[in-house]
Amino acid sequence: MNTIEPQTSPATSEAQPLLGLSQRIPPSNQAAEQALLGALLANNRAYERVSEFLLPEHFVDPVHGRIYQAIARRIEAGQLADAITLKAELEHSGALDSVGGTGYLGQLLAAMVGIINAGDYGRAIYDAWLRRQLIEIGETMVNSAFGAGTDLPGKEQIELAEQTLFNLAERGGSDRGFVDFETALGEAIESAESAFKHAGGVSGITTGLRDVDAKTGGLHNSDLVVLAGRPGMGKSALATKFAFSAAKSLREAAGKAASEAEARGSVALFSLEMSAEQLATRLLSEEARVSGERIRRGDISQKDFDRFVAVSRDLASLPLHIDDTPAITLSAMRTRCRRLARTRGLSLIVVDYLQLMRPSAGTRPENRVLEISQITQGLKAMAKELNVPMLALSQLSRAVESREDKRPQLSDLRESGSIEQDADIVMFIYRDEYYEQNRAPKEAAFDRDDKFHEAMDKWQANMERMHNRAELLIEKNRHGATGKIDLYFEGEFTRFADLDLIHDGD
C-alpha cells in the first residue's frame, strides 16, 4: 500500500529557512576571551598585541569586558595588573562579585594557553564582534524595510545602511599604523621625481593654469581644496576649468600608458546647482569659442554650429563624469565615488558647492554650523580614503559687501570655522570689474557737465584696466606659500586662462 507523504505548501517551505536563520546563535568565542584575559593577567606585555584594536565592548560576555577594561586601565596607568591587584581594585569598586569573584580570576589564569597567541585571540574576539554588528545592521535594515519604527523612504534607507556599514568598516580597522621613516622618505622622493619630470614642477593633478600650478604644484592626493567666492565671481567656471583640464591631462596620460592599469583615472564632478547639460554647454562654449548666451538663443551661424559639433566629438572621450543630483548626501556621494574608483579609476573629485549638500542619511545636526562641519569633515575623510584631491566650492557671507575693499578673507567663509579648519588649501576668486561696473557715475549726481564727464572718463579708465582680469587669492596653504595669482577671465565664454593671454591676443 502506497503511503502519501504530507505535502508542504510553498509558503511553508520558504518560511522554514527564515525561521532557522532567526534561531541562530550570534557569533562569539568565549574560549578566546577567557584565554586572552588569562594571558593578560599572566603577562601584561601581551596587552601591546591587542590594545590598538580591541575594546571592552568587543567582548560578547559583559563580565569579560569589565575585566578587560580594569586590566587596560591599570596597564595604561603604568601599574601591574594581575589576579591579586585586580582583585583589590574590583573589590574596592564593588565590582568583584559581578565579575565572578576571586575564583573566576583564577579560572581565567588556568585558561591561558600562552601569551604568544594573545594577538590571535584578540583578532578572533574582534572578528566575532564585527559579525555580530553586521547581523544587527542586517536586522535593522529588514525591520526598516518592513516599515517598523521609521518613516524614511526606501532610497534614504539604502543611504543610511551604506553609511552604517562605512562607519563599521572605519572603526578600528582603517588605521595605517606607523610608517617607518625610510618608507616615508621613499614616497617623498617619488613625489619630487614626479614634479621634476613634469614641466612647471607639477607633481599633482594639473589645474590647467600655469601660474596656479606653479604656486601649488597642482592638486595633491588626500587634500581638501576649498574654492570660494561671492555669486557672479566665476567660481563654478574656475572649478569646471580645473576639472576639464584634469580630464584632458588624464586622457593624454592614458594614451601614453603602457598598461590598462596605468591608464585608469577619471574626474568626478558633482554639480548640485547646474544640470549636466548646462555644464556641457559651458565647456563646449569655452572650447568652440561660441558664446553660451548665443547658443541658448540659437543665434549661431552654420559655421559656428559645425565647429560646435566637431568640438563635441573631441570632448566625448574625456574621462569626466558629471552627477547633477540636487542636495546629494555625503553617504551617497561616497558610495558613487567608490564605485567609480573601482570601475574606472578616480583621480579628482569636484563638488559645486558644499552648502547645497546634506549630511549622511539618518543624522540630524543641531544647527547649520554643525551640519557644515559634518560635511567638510566627511569630504576630507573621503579624500584621504580614496587618496585623491577633493575640490569643494563654497559660498561667502554677505560681510564682503559691507567693506570698502571687497576682497574676501578667511572669516568671510560661511560657517567658516569648520571649513577653514578642515581644508588644506583655501582659495578665493575675486574680480574688481564685477563691482566697478555698478559704480558708473550718474549724471544727476553732478551739478556741472564737466565734472560728470571727468568722473565718467575716470570710471571708463578703471573699467578698461580691470577688464578680463581676475584674482585668485590663496589665503591658506598647508604645503606652501599663500598669495595672489592674476588670471584672465573672458566673461563671454566663462573662461579662465593665464594672464599673459591678454597680451598674446588669444
Protein backbone atom coordinates (compact mmCIF):
# COMPACT_ATOMS: atom_id res chain seq x y z
CA MET A 1 0.00 0.00 0.00
CA ASN A 2 1.41 3.35 -1.02
CA THR A 3 1.78 5.99 1.65
CA ILE A 4 1.14 9.55 0.64
CA GLU A 5 3.66 11.87 2.18
CA PRO A 6 2.19 15.11 3.53
CA GLN A 7 2.88 17.99 1.19
CA THR A 8 4.28 21.30 2.40
CA SER A 9 2.94 24.45 0.85
CA PRO A 10 5.47 26.73 -0.94
CA ALA A 11 4.88 29.40 1.64
CA THR A 12 5.66 26.99 4.49
CA SER A 13 8.77 25.63 2.78
CA GLU A 14 10.08 29.15 2.22
CA ALA A 15 9.34 30.17 5.80
CA GLN A 16 11.31 27.32 7.36
CA PRO A 17 14.78 28.55 6.38
CA LEU A 18 13.88 32.03 7.61
CA LEU A 19 12.76 30.55 10.91
CA GLY A 20 16.02 28.66 11.16
CA LEU A 21 18.00 31.80 10.50
CA SER A 22 16.18 33.69 13.25
CA GLN A 23 17.08 30.94 15.75
CA ARG A 24 20.82 31.00 15.03
CA ILE A 25 23.17 31.98 17.85
CA PRO A 26 25.18 35.14 17.12
CA PRO A 27 28.92 34.56 16.58
CA SER A 28 31.05 34.55 19.73
CA ASN A 29 34.25 33.00 21.02
CA GLN A 30 34.10 32.61 24.79
CA ALA A 31 37.17 30.37 24.87
CA ALA A 32 39.26 33.03 23.11
CA GLU A 33 38.00 35.67 25.54
CA GLN A 34 38.99 33.58 28.55
CA ALA A 35 42.37 32.65 27.04
CA LEU A 36 43.17 36.29 26.23
CA LEU A 37 42.24 37.55 29.70
CA GLY A 38 44.36 34.77 31.25
CA ALA A 39 47.31 35.75 29.05
CA LEU A 40 46.94 39.41 30.05
CA LEU A 41 46.84 38.55 33.75
CA ALA A 42 49.89 36.30 33.39
CA ASN A 43 51.96 38.82 31.42
CA ASN A 44 50.87 42.44 30.96
CA ARG A 45 53.10 42.81 27.89
CA ALA A 46 50.54 40.76 25.96
CA TYR A 47 48.33 43.88 26.11
CA GLU A 48 50.55 45.54 23.49
CA ARG A 49 49.39 42.93 20.95
CA VAL A 50 45.70 43.86 21.23
CA SER A 51 45.45 47.37 22.69
CA GLU A 52 45.41 49.07 19.26
CA PHE A 53 42.14 47.48 18.09
CA LEU A 54 40.38 45.69 20.97
CA LEU A 55 37.88 47.50 23.21
CA PRO A 56 35.79 46.28 26.18
CA GLU A 57 32.56 46.36 24.13
CA HIS A 58 34.02 43.84 21.67
CA PHE A 59 33.65 41.03 24.24
CA VAL A 60 30.40 39.07 23.99
CA ASP A 61 30.39 38.42 27.74
CA PRO A 62 29.98 41.73 29.59
CA VAL A 63 31.86 40.25 32.58
CA HIS A 64 34.88 39.70 30.32
CA GLY A 65 34.52 43.24 29.03
CA ARG A 66 34.63 44.67 32.57
CA ILE A 67 37.70 42.58 33.46
CA TYR A 68 39.47 43.66 30.25
CA GLN A 69 38.62 47.31 30.98
CA ALA A 70 40.06 47.02 34.51
CA ILE A 71 43.24 45.36 33.17
CA ALA A 72 43.64 48.04 30.48
CA ARG A 73 43.10 50.86 32.99
CA ARG A 74 45.87 49.60 35.27
CA ILE A 75 48.35 48.84 32.49
CA GLU A 76 47.84 52.24 30.82
CA ALA A 77 48.38 53.90 34.21
CA GLY A 78 51.75 52.11 34.45
CA GLN A 79 50.55 49.72 37.17
CA LEU A 80 50.70 45.94 37.47
CA ALA A 81 47.51 44.07 36.52
CA ASP A 82 47.45 40.51 37.84
CA ALA A 83 44.93 38.39 39.75
CA ILE A 84 45.96 39.90 43.11
CA THR A 85 45.99 43.62 42.15
CA LEU A 86 42.86 43.20 40.05
CA LYS A 87 41.04 41.53 42.97
CA ALA A 88 41.85 44.52 45.18
CA GLU A 89 40.72 47.06 42.57
CA LEU A 90 37.49 45.23 41.74
CA GLU A 91 36.76 44.74 45.43
CA HIS A 92 37.31 48.43 46.12
CA SER A 93 34.93 49.43 43.31
CA GLY A 94 32.32 46.89 44.43
CA ALA A 95 32.51 45.01 41.12
CA LEU A 96 34.28 41.85 42.29
CA ASP A 97 31.11 39.81 42.77
CA SER A 98 29.70 40.93 39.42
CA VAL A 99 32.74 39.52 37.60
CA GLY A 100 32.60 36.13 39.34
CA GLY A 101 34.77 36.76 42.37
CA THR A 102 38.32 35.67 43.09
CA GLY A 103 37.63 32.13 41.92
CA TYR A 104 36.81 33.25 38.38
CA LEU A 105 40.05 35.23 38.08
CA GLY A 106 41.86 32.00 38.94
CA GLN A 107 39.89 30.15 36.24
CA LEU A 108 40.99 32.72 33.69
CA LEU A 109 44.64 32.15 34.60
CA ALA A 110 44.09 28.40 34.17
CA ALA A 111 42.52 29.04 30.72
CA MET A 112 45.70 30.72 29.45
CA VAL A 113 47.33 28.84 26.59
CA GLY A 114 50.28 31.21 26.06
CA ILE A 115 50.91 34.92 25.71
CA ILE A 116 52.37 34.43 22.24
CA ASN A 117 48.83 33.73 20.97
CA ALA A 118 47.30 36.86 22.54
CA GLY A 119 47.13 38.73 19.24
CA ASP A 120 45.30 35.83 17.55
CA TYR A 121 42.81 35.61 20.42
CA GLY A 122 42.19 39.36 20.22
CA ARG A 123 41.55 39.23 16.47
CA ALA A 124 39.16 36.29 16.93
CA ILE A 125 37.19 38.31 19.53
CA TYR A 126 37.16 41.37 17.28
CA ASP A 127 36.05 39.35 14.25
CA ALA A 128 33.14 37.83 16.20
CA TRP A 129 32.12 41.33 17.31
CA LEU A 130 32.22 42.59 13.70
CA ARG A 131 29.96 39.77 12.56
CA ARG A 132 27.53 40.46 15.41
CA GLN A 133 27.42 44.09 14.31
CA LEU A 134 26.72 43.01 10.72
CA ILE A 135 23.84 40.85 11.94
CA GLU A 136 22.43 43.78 13.93
CA ILE A 137 22.72 46.09 10.91
CA GLY A 138 21.01 43.46 8.75
CA GLU A 139 18.15 43.09 11.23
CA THR A 140 17.74 46.88 11.39
CA MET A 141 17.66 47.05 7.58
CA VAL A 142 14.97 44.34 7.41
CA ASN A 143 12.85 45.99 10.11
CA SER A 144 13.18 49.38 8.43
CA ALA A 145 12.23 47.91 5.06
CA PHE A 146 9.10 46.44 6.65
CA GLY A 147 8.29 49.93 7.95
CA ALA A 148 8.87 49.22 11.63
CA GLY A 149 9.68 52.37 13.61
CA THR A 150 10.90 54.52 10.71
CA ASP A 151 9.39 56.92 8.21
CA LEU A 152 12.45 57.12 5.93
CA PRO A 153 11.74 56.43 2.24
CA GLY A 154 13.47 53.44 0.65
CA LYS A 155 16.19 55.49 -1.06
CA GLU A 156 17.24 57.12 2.21
CA GLN A 157 17.18 53.73 3.95
CA ILE A 158 19.77 52.50 1.42
CA GLU A 159 21.97 55.53 2.12
CA LEU A 160 21.60 55.02 5.88
CA ALA A 161 22.58 51.36 5.56
CA GLU A 162 25.61 52.28 3.44
CA GLN A 163 26.67 54.90 5.97
CA THR A 164 26.26 52.47 8.88
CA LEU A 165 28.39 49.88 7.08
CA PHE A 166 31.01 52.52 6.31
CA ASN A 167 31.14 53.58 9.96
CA LEU A 168 31.59 49.95 10.98
CA ALA A 169 34.38 49.48 8.45
CA GLU A 170 36.10 52.64 9.74
CA ARG A 171 36.11 51.60 13.40
CA GLY A 172 39.36 50.01 14.38
CA GLY A 173 40.33 48.63 11.00
CA SER A 174 41.29 51.60 8.82
CA ASP A 175 44.43 52.81 10.63
CA ARG A 176 47.54 52.79 8.54
CA GLY A 177 49.65 52.46 11.67
CA PHE A 178 53.26 53.53 11.93
CA VAL A 179 55.20 54.06 8.71
CA ASP A 180 58.96 53.80 9.07
CA PHE A 181 60.86 56.91 8.02
CA GLU A 182 62.58 55.10 5.16
CA THR A 183 59.18 54.37 3.57
CA ALA A 184 58.03 57.97 4.09
CA LEU A 185 61.26 59.24 2.51
CA GLY A 186 60.71 56.97 -0.49
CA GLU A 187 57.22 58.39 -1.02
CA ALA A 188 58.59 61.94 -0.76
CA ILE A 189 61.29 61.17 -3.36
CA GLU A 190 58.66 59.71 -5.73
CA SER A 191 56.59 62.89 -5.40
CA ALA A 192 59.64 65.08 -6.04
CA GLU A 193 60.62 62.94 -9.05
CA SER A 194 57.12 63.32 -10.48
CA ALA A 195 57.39 67.12 -10.16
CA PHE A 196 60.86 67.08 -11.70
CA LYS A 197 59.71 65.11 -14.75
CA HIS A 198 56.70 67.32 -15.43
CA ALA A 199 57.00 70.78 -16.92
CA GLY A 200 56.38 73.54 -14.40
CA GLY A 201 57.06 71.30 -11.40
CA VAL A 202 53.56 69.85 -11.20
CA SER A 203 53.57 66.75 -9.01
CA GLY A 204 49.78 66.64 -8.54
CA ILE A 205 46.79 66.89 -10.87
CA THR A 206 47.11 69.92 -13.15
CA THR A 207 44.64 72.79 -12.86
CA GLY A 208 45.23 73.83 -16.48
CA LEU A 209 46.54 77.22 -15.31
CA ARG A 210 50.31 77.59 -15.38
CA ASP A 211 50.58 80.15 -12.58
CA VAL A 212 48.27 78.21 -10.26
CA ASP A 213 50.23 75.00 -10.85
CA ALA A 214 53.48 76.88 -10.20
CA LYS A 215 52.16 78.15 -6.86
CA THR A 216 50.57 74.92 -5.63
CA GLY A 217 52.29 72.15 -7.61
CA GLY A 218 48.83 71.08 -8.81
CA LEU A 219 46.09 69.37 -6.79
CA HIS A 220 47.50 66.69 -4.49
CA ASN A 221 46.07 63.40 -3.29
CA SER A 222 44.12 63.40 0.01
CA ASP A 223 43.94 67.23 0.05
CA LEU A 224 40.69 69.12 0.60
CA VAL A 225 40.89 72.29 -1.50
CA VAL A 226 38.17 74.91 -0.94
CA LEU A 227 37.46 77.47 -3.67
CA ALA A 228 35.14 80.25 -2.51
CA GLY A 229 33.67 83.42 -3.93
CA ARG A 230 30.62 85.65 -3.99
CA PRO A 231 27.92 84.98 -6.63
CA GLY A 232 28.97 86.19 -10.07
CA MET A 233 32.72 85.90 -9.45
CA GLY A 234 33.04 82.79 -11.63
CA LYS A 235 33.88 80.10 -9.05
CA SER A 236 31.85 77.45 -10.90
CA ALA A 237 33.60 78.37 -14.15
CA LEU A 238 37.02 78.10 -12.50
CA ALA A 239 36.19 74.75 -10.88
CA THR A 240 34.94 73.47 -14.25
CA LYS A 241 38.23 74.67 -15.77
CA PHE A 242 40.16 72.63 -13.18
CA ALA A 243 38.02 69.52 -13.78
CA PHE A 244 38.18 69.85 -17.57
CA SER A 245 41.96 70.36 -17.61
CA ALA A 246 42.48 67.40 -15.28
CA ALA A 247 40.32 65.18 -17.52
CA LYS A 248 42.29 66.26 -20.62
CA SER A 249 45.55 65.52 -18.81
CA LEU A 250 44.29 62.07 -17.77
CA ARG A 251 43.20 61.28 -21.34
CA GLU A 252 46.62 62.27 -22.63
CA ALA A 253 48.36 60.15 -19.98
CA ALA A 254 46.12 57.19 -20.80
CA GLY A 255 47.22 57.38 -24.42
CA LYS A 256 50.85 57.02 -23.33
CA ALA A 257 50.22 54.35 -20.68
CA ALA A 258 51.94 51.00 -21.07
CA SER A 259 49.13 49.02 -19.42
CA GLU A 260 45.41 49.24 -18.76
CA ALA A 261 46.06 49.68 -15.03
CA GLU A 262 48.21 52.77 -15.70
CA ALA A 263 45.53 54.22 -17.99
CA ARG A 264 42.85 54.18 -15.29
CA GLY A 265 41.75 57.56 -13.95
CA SER A 266 38.79 59.91 -14.19
CA VAL A 267 37.27 63.09 -12.75
CA ALA A 268 34.01 63.09 -10.77
CA LEU A 269 32.13 66.40 -10.91
CA PHE A 270 29.15 66.77 -8.57
CA SER A 271 27.09 69.72 -9.78
CA LEU A 272 24.38 70.44 -7.22
CA GLU A 273 23.36 73.78 -8.79
CA MET A 274 23.74 73.37 -12.58
CA SER A 275 22.47 70.46 -14.69
CA ALA A 276 24.83 68.18 -16.60
CA GLU A 277 23.52 69.69 -19.86
CA GLN A 278 24.31 73.24 -18.68
CA LEU A 279 27.83 72.22 -17.72
CA ALA A 280 28.38 70.51 -21.07
CA THR A 281 27.17 73.66 -22.86
CA ARG A 282 29.60 75.77 -20.84
CA LEU A 283 32.53 73.50 -21.76
CA LEU A 284 31.53 73.46 -25.41
CA SER A 285 31.21 77.25 -25.41
CA GLU A 286 34.73 77.62 -23.99
CA GLU A 287 36.35 75.15 -26.38
CA ALA A 288 34.43 76.16 -29.52
CA ARG A 289 34.70 79.90 -28.67
CA VAL A 290 30.98 80.35 -29.22
CA SER A 291 29.07 82.44 -26.67
CA GLY A 292 26.92 80.32 -24.37
CA GLU A 293 24.22 83.00 -24.46
CA ARG A 294 24.10 82.81 -28.27
CA ILE A 295 23.95 79.01 -28.10
CA ARG A 296 20.92 79.15 -25.78
CA ARG A 297 19.17 81.64 -28.09
CA GLY A 298 20.04 79.67 -31.22
CA ASP A 299 21.78 82.77 -32.56
CA ILE A 300 24.70 80.96 -34.24
CA SER A 301 25.80 80.51 -37.83
CA GLN A 302 26.21 77.20 -39.64
CA LYS A 303 29.97 77.61 -39.30
CA ASP A 304 29.63 78.06 -35.53
CA PHE A 305 27.37 75.01 -35.28
CA ASP A 306 29.78 72.84 -37.30
CA ARG A 307 32.62 73.88 -35.02
CA PHE A 308 30.37 73.16 -32.03
CA VAL A 309 29.72 69.59 -33.25
CA ALA A 310 33.39 68.95 -34.11
CA VAL A 311 34.50 70.05 -30.63
CA SER A 312 31.82 67.89 -29.00
CA ARG A 313 33.16 64.80 -30.78
CA ASP A 314 36.63 65.50 -29.45
CA LEU A 315 35.40 66.10 -25.89
CA ALA A 316 33.20 62.98 -25.82
CA SER A 317 36.19 60.77 -24.94
CA LEU A 318 37.16 62.79 -21.85
CA PRO A 319 37.15 60.75 -18.59
CA LEU A 320 34.82 63.29 -16.98
CA HIS A 321 31.72 62.07 -15.13
CA ILE A 322 29.01 64.52 -14.05
CA ASP A 323 26.49 63.85 -11.29
CA ASP A 324 23.83 66.58 -11.06
CA THR A 325 21.78 65.07 -8.22
CA PRO A 326 20.40 68.01 -6.19
CA ALA A 327 21.03 68.04 -2.41
CA ILE A 328 23.08 64.84 -2.56
CA THR A 329 24.02 63.30 0.79
CA LEU A 330 27.56 62.66 1.91
CA SER A 331 26.98 58.90 2.08
CA ALA A 332 25.53 58.76 -1.45
CA MET A 333 28.49 60.76 -2.79
CA ARG A 334 30.96 58.43 -1.07
CA THR A 335 29.24 55.34 -2.49
CA ARG A 336 29.26 56.71 -6.04
CA CYS A 337 32.90 57.75 -5.81
CA ARG A 338 33.90 54.33 -4.54
CA ARG A 339 32.05 52.70 -7.41
CA LEU A 340 33.71 55.00 -9.95
CA ALA A 341 37.14 54.34 -8.39
CA ARG A 342 36.53 50.60 -8.65
CA THR A 343 35.25 50.59 -12.24
CA ARG A 344 37.06 53.46 -14.00
CA GLY A 345 39.66 54.70 -11.56
CA LEU A 346 39.34 58.06 -9.80
CA SER A 347 41.82 60.95 -9.83
CA LEU A 348 39.87 64.07 -8.76
CA ILE A 349 36.53 64.92 -7.10
CA VAL A 350 34.90 68.34 -7.61
CA VAL A 351 31.85 69.46 -5.58
CA ASP A 352 29.84 72.52 -6.66
CA TYR A 353 29.05 73.51 -3.95
CA LEU A 354 29.25 72.15 -0.38
CA GLN A 355 26.47 74.28 1.17
CA LEU A 356 23.96 72.52 -1.12
CA MET A 357 24.95 69.09 0.21
CA ARG A 358 23.22 67.22 3.01
CA PRO A 359 24.96 65.23 5.76
CA SER A 360 24.66 61.45 5.76
CA ALA A 361 21.16 59.97 5.96
CA GLY A 362 19.91 59.39 9.48
CA THR A 363 21.94 62.23 11.06
CA ARG A 364 20.14 65.31 12.36
CA PRO A 365 22.66 68.05 13.27
CA GLU A 366 21.54 70.57 15.86
CA ASN A 367 22.35 73.59 13.71
CA ARG A 368 23.68 74.66 10.33
CA VAL A 369 27.26 75.17 11.54
CA LEU A 370 27.39 71.61 12.89
CA GLU A 371 25.87 70.32 9.64
CA ILE A 372 28.54 72.05 7.52
CA SER A 373 31.18 70.75 9.92
CA GLN A 374 29.99 67.17 9.34
CA ILE A 375 30.05 67.71 5.57
CA THR A 376 33.56 69.20 5.44
CA GLN A 377 34.93 66.51 7.76
CA GLY A 378 33.27 63.88 5.56
CA LEU A 379 34.76 65.38 2.37
CA LYS A 380 38.23 65.42 3.92
CA ALA A 381 37.82 61.81 5.09
CA MET A 382 36.66 60.82 1.58
CA ALA A 383 39.72 62.47 0.02
CA LYS A 384 42.00 60.52 2.37
CA GLU A 385 40.15 57.23 1.95
CA LEU A 386 40.16 57.36 -1.87
CA ASN A 387 43.58 59.09 -1.96
CA VAL A 388 42.50 61.76 -4.46
CA PRO A 389 42.27 65.58 -4.36
CA MET A 390 38.87 66.94 -3.32
CA LEU A 391 37.96 70.39 -4.71
CA ALA A 392 34.89 71.81 -2.95
CA LEU A 393 33.28 75.16 -3.78
CA SER A 394 31.90 77.32 -1.00
CA GLN A 395 29.76 80.40 -0.65
CA LEU A 396 30.87 83.55 1.15
CA SER A 397 28.89 85.54 3.68
CA ARG A 398 27.46 88.96 2.83
CA ALA A 399 30.03 90.62 5.10
CA VAL A 400 32.18 91.17 1.99
CA GLU A 401 29.64 93.62 0.56
CA SER A 402 29.82 95.93 3.57
CA ARG A 403 33.56 96.59 3.22
CA GLU A 404 35.27 99.13 1.00
CA ASP A 405 37.84 96.53 -0.12
CA LYS A 406 35.67 93.60 -1.14
CA ARG A 407 38.48 91.07 -1.48
CA PRO A 408 37.44 88.00 0.54
CA GLN A 409 39.06 86.90 3.79
CA LEU A 410 39.01 83.55 5.61
CA SER A 411 36.47 84.94 8.07
CA ASP A 412 34.05 85.52 5.15
CA LEU A 413 33.55 81.79 4.63
CA ARG A 414 30.04 80.78 5.56
CA GLU A 415 30.18 78.62 8.67
CA SER A 416 33.88 79.47 8.38
CA GLY A 417 35.26 77.68 11.44
CA SER A 418 34.87 74.11 10.19
CA ILE A 419 35.66 74.88 6.54
CA GLU A 420 38.85 76.76 7.35
CA GLN A 421 39.94 74.09 9.83
CA ASP A 422 39.35 71.05 7.60
CA ALA A 423 40.68 72.49 4.33
CA ASP A 424 44.32 72.04 3.30
CA ILE A 425 44.09 74.92 0.81
CA VAL A 426 41.59 77.81 0.76
CA MET A 427 41.36 79.96 -2.39
CA PHE A 428 39.13 82.92 -3.21
CA ILE A 429 38.19 84.14 -6.68
CA TYR A 430 37.71 87.90 -6.97
CA ARG A 431 37.02 90.31 -9.88
CA ASP A 432 37.19 94.08 -9.44
CA GLU A 433 35.27 94.53 -12.69
CA TYR A 434 32.16 92.91 -11.16
CA TYR A 435 31.85 95.67 -8.55
CA GLU A 436 33.19 98.54 -10.67
CA GLN A 437 30.51 98.11 -13.36
CA ASN A 438 27.88 99.02 -10.76
CA ARG A 439 29.71 102.23 -9.86
CA ALA A 440 29.11 104.06 -13.15
CA PRO A 441 28.61 107.82 -12.48
CA LYS A 442 25.04 109.12 -12.68
CA GLU A 443 24.66 112.46 -14.44
CA ALA A 444 22.04 113.60 -11.94
CA ALA A 445 24.64 113.41 -9.16
CA PHE A 446 26.76 116.21 -10.69
CA ASP A 447 25.95 119.93 -10.83
CA ARG A 448 28.21 120.52 -13.86
CA ASP A 449 28.69 118.57 -17.08
CA ASP A 450 32.48 118.82 -16.97
CA LYS A 451 32.57 117.14 -13.54
CA PHE A 452 30.32 114.35 -14.79
CA HIS A 453 32.47 113.78 -17.89
CA GLU A 454 35.61 113.79 -15.76
CA ALA A 455 34.11 111.14 -13.44
CA MET A 456 32.91 109.13 -16.44
CA ASP A 457 36.37 109.18 -18.05
CA LYS A 458 37.93 108.01 -14.79
CA TRP A 459 35.36 105.21 -14.45
CA GLN A 460 35.88 104.06 -18.04
CA ALA A 461 39.65 104.01 -17.49
CA ASN A 462 39.14 101.85 -14.41
CA MET A 463 36.84 99.51 -16.34
CA GLU A 464 39.40 99.20 -19.13
CA ARG A 465 42.14 98.41 -16.61
CA MET A 466 40.02 95.79 -14.84
CA HIS A 467 38.50 94.26 -17.97
CA ASN A 468 39.06 90.49 -18.32
CA ARG A 469 41.10 90.36 -15.14
CA ALA A 470 40.55 88.20 -12.08
CA GLU A 471 42.47 87.48 -8.89
CA LEU A 472 42.89 84.07 -7.28
CA LEU A 473 43.75 84.68 -3.61
CA ILE A 474 45.37 81.72 -1.81
CA GLU A 475 44.73 82.54 1.85
CA LYS A 476 45.60 79.15 3.38
CA ASN A 477 48.09 76.58 2.13
CA ARG A 478 49.33 73.82 4.42
CA HIS A 479 52.00 72.82 1.92
CA GLY A 480 53.41 76.12 0.71
CA ALA A 481 53.10 79.84 0.24
CA THR A 482 49.97 81.96 0.11
CA GLY A 483 49.48 84.96 -2.15
CA LYS A 484 47.72 86.41 -5.18
CA ILE A 485 47.63 84.99 -8.71
CA ASP A 486 46.40 87.23 -11.55
CA LEU A 487 44.20 85.44 -14.09
CA TYR A 488 42.50 86.23 -17.39
CA PHE A 489 38.70 85.94 -17.36
CA GLU A 490 36.64 86.03 -20.54
CA GLY A 491 33.06 86.54 -19.46
CA GLU A 492 31.52 85.81 -22.85
CA PHE A 493 32.76 82.22 -22.70
CA THR A 494 33.01 81.98 -18.86
CA ARG A 495 36.65 81.11 -19.48
CA PHE A 496 39.69 81.44 -17.22
CA ALA A 497 43.25 81.41 -18.56
CA ASP A 498 46.74 82.64 -17.69
CA LEU A 499 47.00 86.42 -17.66
CA ASP A 500 49.62 86.68 -20.44
CA LEU A 501 46.96 85.51 -22.90
CA ILE A 502 45.69 89.11 -22.83
CA HIS A 503 48.94 90.27 -24.36
CA ASP A 504 49.15 87.28 -26.73
CA GLY A 505 45.72 88.16 -28.06
CA ASP A 506 44.35 84.65 -27.59
